[in-house]
Amino acid sequence: MSQISAAAVNELRKRTDLPLMECKKALTEANGDLDKAIDILRAGFGKAMSKREANETAEGRVAVKIAGDTAAIVELRCESAPTAKNELFGKLADDVAAAVIEHTPADVAALTALPAVKTRFEETVGLIREKMVIHRFARLTGGVFGFYVHHDLMSGALVQCAGTAQASELLRDVGAHVVALNPSYFKADDIPADALAKEKAFIAQQIKDDPKNASKPANIIEKMSEGKLKTWMAESVLTEQPMANAAKYPNTTVAQALQKAGLTLTKVVRYKVGSA
């Protein structure tokens, strides 16, 4: 076919969302066959993706998807900050999170290899021309979910609770608290025994080294130790921390706010682009 019609080029562009010149070139190579032209474009943009394999991906965004009793959080990386904020990249991140829920991939390699995910990457890379990679993901099942993604899109938290109450606003607030304060532990049970023992020993040594405590009775020393440990827990453990939005939740710890709603914290996943 020597002549490719504008209508055919436009149809291919609608179906692939790729530049007009690329569509015309593919149609010419495919002798006007639309399906063959789509295969040519996918192969070509897949090669474009491969050419960028050595590029650094220091930017990105966090996306969360919830479907019934299953939720997923993903960190998707790219090369530049403008791309991280790009709507097409955001749609790709959402689609990857949906694929995590639907396909239960074992790891990043398995998720990346899914045909639907691979196709979406090729399409998006073809449009934006940057390297994009799935950096990490988590998939949680059962219970009640809530999430928060910061306005910069680079940090987010997925919150899982046991219970039946639907408290999306509260769980969003807990997620925002997690993103802002980044507690070392989510529940007291999460603290390793050796870390707890080390902190108790540190507190005991602090009290002992203070000359003002030399003449104090053992029961007072014990109360001082308990008070200092409680302070440390409130600084380090999510459920022991006062809710960050004190005006909305006055004198209320995270555990108390959840308990009031009939929920108990099960798990939290916090991602920030560029951090472990």
Protein backbone atom coordinates (compact mmCIF):
# COMPACT_ATOMS: atom_id res chain seq x y z
CA MET A 1 0.00 0.00 0.00
CA SER A 2 1.61 3.24 -1.15
CA GLN A 3 -0.80 5.69 0.44
CA ILE A 4 -1.69 5.68 4.17
CA SER A 5 -4.87 7.62 4.90
CA ALA A 6 -5.08 10.24 7.61
CA ALA A 7 -8.09 8.39 9.04
CA ALA A 8 -6.00 5.23 9.50
CA VAL A 9 -3.21 7.19 11.18
CA ASN A 10 -5.69 8.87 13.51
CA GLU A 11 -7.30 5.53 14.37
CA LEU A 12 -3.91 4.05 15.24
CA ARG A 13 -3.06 7.10 17.33
CA LYS A 14 -6.36 6.72 19.25
CA ARG A 15 -5.61 3.07 19.96
CA THR A 16 -1.99 3.57 21.01
CA ASP A 17 -1.81 7.23 22.11
CA LEU A 18 1.56 7.47 20.33
CA PRO A 19 2.81 10.36 18.13
CA LEU A 20 1.24 10.74 14.66
CA MET A 21 4.54 10.35 12.83
CA GLU A 22 5.31 7.11 14.67
CA CYS A 23 1.85 5.82 13.81
CA LYS A 24 2.23 6.70 10.12
CA LYS A 25 5.65 5.09 10.01
CA ALA A 26 4.32 1.88 11.59
CA LEU A 27 1.31 1.75 9.24
CA THR A 28 3.58 2.20 6.23
CA GLU A 29 5.80 -0.64 7.43
CA ALA A 30 2.72 -2.79 8.06
CA ASN A 31 1.30 -1.98 4.62
CA GLY A 32 -1.80 -0.49 6.23
CA ASP A 33 -2.57 -3.43 8.54
CA LEU A 34 -3.70 -1.82 11.83
CA ASP A 35 -3.06 -4.81 14.10
CA LYS A 36 0.38 -5.41 12.62
CA ALA A 37 1.18 -1.70 13.05
CA ILE A 38 0.28 -1.95 16.75
CA ASP A 39 2.72 -4.89 17.12
CA ILE A 40 5.44 -2.87 15.35
CA LEU A 41 4.91 0.07 17.69
CA ARG A 42 5.02 -2.11 20.79
CA ALA A 43 8.23 -3.77 19.62
CA GLY A 44 9.77 -0.43 18.77
CA PHE A 45 8.92 1.22 22.05
CA GLY A 46 10.01 -1.86 23.92
CA LYS A 47 13.44 -1.33 22.33
CA ALA A 48 13.34 2.32 23.41
CA MET A 49 12.75 1.09 26.94
CA SER A 50 15.75 -1.27 26.71
CA LYS A 51 18.05 1.52 25.53
CA ARG A 52 17.47 3.38 28.80
CA GLU A 53 18.30 0.42 31.07
CA ALA A 54 21.50 2.06 32.38
CA ASN A 55 19.77 5.31 33.36
CA GLU A 56 19.31 6.15 37.03
CA THR A 57 15.78 6.18 38.47
CA ALA A 58 15.98 8.46 41.51
CA GLU A 59 12.49 9.97 41.20
CA GLY A 60 9.07 8.37 41.38
CA ARG A 61 5.77 8.12 43.21
CA VAL A 62 3.80 5.96 45.60
CA ALA A 63 0.40 4.56 44.64
CA VAL A 64 -2.19 2.64 46.66
CA LYS A 65 -5.13 0.54 45.49
CA ILE A 66 -7.85 -1.08 47.61
CA ALA A 67 -10.31 -3.65 46.24
CA GLY A 68 -12.59 -5.32 48.76
CA ASP A 69 -10.53 -7.21 51.33
CA THR A 70 -7.24 -6.77 49.43
CA ALA A 71 -4.95 -3.76 49.14
CA ALA A 72 -1.65 -2.95 47.46
CA ILE A 73 0.95 -0.23 47.75
CA VAL A 74 3.68 0.26 45.14
CA GLU A 75 6.72 2.46 44.65
CA LEU A 76 7.31 3.21 40.99
CA ARG A 77 10.56 4.89 39.94
CA CYS A 78 11.47 7.08 36.96
CA GLU A 79 14.30 9.38 35.87
CA SER A 80 12.93 12.89 36.43
CA ALA A 81 10.66 14.83 38.81
CA PRO A 82 8.36 16.11 36.01
CA THR A 83 7.70 12.53 34.91
CA ALA A 84 6.95 11.49 38.50
CA LYS A 85 4.13 14.07 38.51
CA ASN A 86 2.98 13.21 34.98
CA GLU A 87 -0.61 11.94 34.69
CA LEU A 88 0.43 9.07 32.41
CA PHE A 89 3.04 7.90 34.92
CA GLY A 90 0.44 8.16 37.67
CA LYS A 91 -1.97 6.01 35.66
CA LEU A 92 0.79 3.45 35.17
CA ALA A 93 1.42 3.36 38.94
CA ASP A 94 -2.31 2.83 39.58
CA ASP A 95 -2.46 0.04 37.01
CA VAL A 96 0.57 -1.68 38.57
CA ALA A 97 -1.08 -1.54 42.01
CA ALA A 98 -4.24 -3.05 40.49
CA ALA A 99 -2.14 -5.83 38.93
CA VAL A 100 -0.63 -6.61 42.34
CA ILE A 101 -4.14 -7.15 43.70
CA GLU A 102 -5.34 -9.19 40.73
CA HIS A 103 -2.35 -11.44 40.09
CA THR A 104 -0.66 -11.98 43.50
CA PRO A 105 2.93 -11.73 42.15
CA ALA A 106 5.65 -13.28 44.28
CA ASP A 107 8.17 -10.47 43.79
CA VAL A 108 9.07 -7.46 41.66
CA ALA A 109 10.46 -9.64 38.86
CA ALA A 110 7.22 -11.64 38.64
CA LEU A 111 5.13 -8.45 38.68
CA THR A 112 7.25 -6.82 35.97
CA ALA A 113 6.99 -9.93 33.79
CA LEU A 114 3.18 -9.97 33.78
CA PRO A 115 2.10 -9.41 30.14
CA ALA A 116 -0.40 -6.68 31.07
CA VAL A 117 2.20 -4.84 33.16
CA LYS A 118 4.89 -5.23 30.51
CA THR A 119 2.56 -3.81 27.86
CA ARG A 120 1.61 -0.83 30.03
CA PHE A 121 5.29 -0.05 30.68
CA GLU A 122 6.10 -0.18 26.97
CA GLU A 123 3.19 2.13 26.16
CA THR A 124 4.10 4.67 28.83
CA VAL A 125 7.84 4.60 28.12
CA GLY A 126 7.01 5.05 24.44
CA LEU A 127 5.17 8.26 25.25
CA ILE A 128 7.44 9.73 27.93
CA ARG A 129 10.78 8.23 26.84
CA GLU A 130 12.20 7.61 30.30
CA LYS A 131 13.28 4.52 32.14
CA MET A 132 10.63 3.34 34.61
CA VAL A 133 10.89 0.51 37.13
CA ILE A 134 8.87 -1.07 39.89
CA HIS A 135 11.02 -0.58 42.97
CA ARG A 136 8.88 -2.44 45.55
CA PHE A 137 5.35 -3.37 46.47
CA ALA A 138 3.29 -4.94 49.25
CA ARG A 139 -0.01 -6.81 49.07
CA LEU A 140 -2.22 -7.16 52.15
CA THR A 141 -5.42 -9.17 52.57
CA GLY A 142 -8.18 -9.24 55.17
CA GLY A 143 -9.60 -6.65 57.53
CA VAL A 144 -10.22 -2.97 56.96
CA PHE A 145 -7.90 -0.69 54.97
CA GLY A 146 -7.13 2.98 54.76
CA PHE A 147 -4.31 4.94 53.17
CA TYR A 148 -2.68 8.30 52.74
CA VAL A 149 -0.42 9.56 49.94
CA HIS A 150 1.30 12.89 50.55
CA HIS A 151 0.65 15.76 48.12
CA ASP A 152 4.16 15.41 46.68
CA LEU A 153 3.24 11.80 45.75
CA MET A 154 6.64 10.61 47.02
CA SER A 155 5.51 9.12 50.33
CA GLY A 156 2.49 7.15 51.43
CA ALA A 157 1.20 4.66 53.96
CA LEU A 158 -1.23 1.75 53.76
CA VAL A 159 -2.96 0.92 57.07
CA GLN A 160 -4.54 -2.47 57.81
CA CYS A 161 -6.78 -3.08 60.82
CA ALA A 162 -8.78 -5.93 62.28
CA GLY A 163 -12.46 -5.16 62.69
CA THR A 164 -15.48 -4.44 60.55
CA ALA A 165 -16.03 -0.69 60.98
CA GLN A 166 -15.52 1.43 57.89
CA ALA A 167 -13.49 4.39 59.14
CA SER A 168 -11.79 5.70 56.03
CA GLU A 169 -11.27 9.21 57.42
CA LEU A 170 -9.66 7.94 60.63
CA LEU A 171 -7.43 5.50 58.77
CA ARG A 172 -6.42 8.24 56.36
CA ASP A 173 -5.47 10.37 59.37
CA VAL A 174 -3.46 7.47 60.83
CA GLY A 175 -1.73 7.07 57.45
CA ALA A 176 -0.92 10.80 57.40
CA HIS A 177 0.46 10.47 60.94
CA VAL A 178 2.70 7.60 59.83
CA VAL A 179 3.98 9.51 56.79
CA ALA A 180 4.72 12.63 58.86
CA LEU A 181 6.29 11.06 61.97
CA ASN A 182 7.73 7.80 60.58
CA PRO A 183 7.59 5.85 63.88
CA SER A 184 10.29 3.24 64.44
CA TYR A 185 7.71 0.59 65.36
CA PHE A 186 4.02 0.27 64.63
CA LYS A 187 3.00 -1.79 67.68
CA ALA A 188 4.67 -2.54 71.01
CA ASP A 189 4.86 -6.20 69.97
CA ASP A 190 7.03 -5.16 67.01
CA ILE A 191 9.89 -4.05 69.26
CA PRO A 192 12.62 -6.72 69.30
CA ALA A 193 13.36 -8.03 72.80
CA ASP A 194 17.01 -6.99 72.59
CA ALA A 195 16.07 -3.42 71.54
CA LEU A 196 13.65 -3.13 74.48
CA ALA A 197 16.23 -4.53 76.90
CA LYS A 198 18.85 -2.11 75.57
CA GLU A 199 16.53 0.88 76.09
CA LYS A 200 15.66 -0.22 79.62
CA ALA A 201 19.36 -0.59 80.43
CA PHE A 202 20.05 2.85 78.97
CA ILE A 203 17.29 4.41 81.10
CA ALA A 204 18.54 2.65 84.23
CA GLN A 205 22.07 3.92 83.59
CA GLN A 206 20.78 7.48 83.02
CA ILE A 207 19.00 7.45 86.36
CA LYS A 208 21.98 5.93 88.14
CA ASP A 209 24.42 8.50 86.71
CA ASP A 210 22.34 11.43 87.98
CA PRO A 211 23.64 12.39 91.49
CA LYS A 212 20.22 13.74 92.42
CA ASN A 213 18.84 10.19 92.40
CA ALA A 214 21.45 8.70 94.76
CA SER A 215 19.27 8.89 97.88
CA LYS A 216 15.94 8.09 96.30
CA PRO A 217 14.20 4.86 97.36
CA ALA A 218 13.90 1.90 94.99
CA ASN A 219 10.15 2.35 94.38
CA ILE A 220 10.71 5.95 93.22
CA ILE A 221 13.55 4.86 90.94
CA GLU A 222 11.25 2.19 89.50
CA LYS A 223 8.53 4.77 88.80
CA MET A 224 11.06 7.06 87.15
CA SER A 225 12.19 4.18 84.94
CA GLU A 226 8.61 3.39 83.98
CA GLY A 227 7.94 7.03 83.15
CA LYS A 228 11.02 7.33 80.94
CA LEU A 229 10.17 4.07 79.17
CA LYS A 230 6.63 5.30 78.56
CA THR A 231 8.03 8.51 77.06
CA TRP A 232 10.34 6.52 74.78
CA MET A 233 7.44 4.29 73.69
CA ALA A 234 5.34 7.36 72.86
CA GLU A 235 8.18 8.65 70.69
CA SER A 236 8.93 5.33 68.99
CA VAL A 237 5.74 3.25 68.73
CA LEU A 238 2.83 4.31 66.51
CA THR A 239 0.01 2.96 68.70
CA GLU A 240 1.46 4.74 71.76
CA GLN A 241 1.81 8.11 70.04
CA PRO A 242 -0.76 10.90 70.43
CA MET A 243 -2.59 11.44 67.14
CA ALA A 244 -0.70 14.04 65.10
CA ASN A 245 -3.89 16.03 64.50
CA ALA A 246 -4.36 17.01 68.16
CA ALA A 247 -7.18 19.46 67.40
CA LYS A 248 -9.22 16.69 65.81
CA TYR A 249 -8.19 13.97 68.29
CA PRO A 250 -7.42 15.73 71.61
CA ASN A 251 -5.51 13.68 74.20
CA THR A 252 -5.94 10.54 72.12
CA THR A 253 -3.30 8.01 71.16
CA VAL A 254 -3.46 6.20 67.83
CA ALA A 255 -4.48 2.98 69.60
CA GLN A 256 -7.26 4.78 71.47
CA ALA A 257 -8.61 6.42 68.31
CA LEU A 258 -8.71 3.04 66.56
CA GLN A 259 -10.24 1.31 69.57
CA LYS A 260 -12.99 3.92 69.72
CA ALA A 261 -13.83 3.05 66.11
CA GLY A 262 -13.82 -0.68 66.87
CA LEU A 263 -10.52 -1.32 65.09
CA THR A 264 -7.16 -2.80 66.06
CA LEU A 265 -3.99 -2.09 64.11
CA THR A 266 -2.73 -5.13 62.21
CA LYS A 267 -0.07 -3.80 59.85
CA VAL A 268 1.28 -0.62 58.30
CA VAL A 269 3.38 -0.27 55.16
CA ARG A 270 5.12 3.08 54.70
CA TYR A 271 6.98 3.93 51.50
CA LYS A 272 9.03 6.99 50.65
CA VAL A 273 10.70 7.27 47.27
CA GLY A 274 14.44 6.94 47.69
CA SER A 275 14.40 5.52 51.22
CA ALA A 276 14.67 1.96 52.52
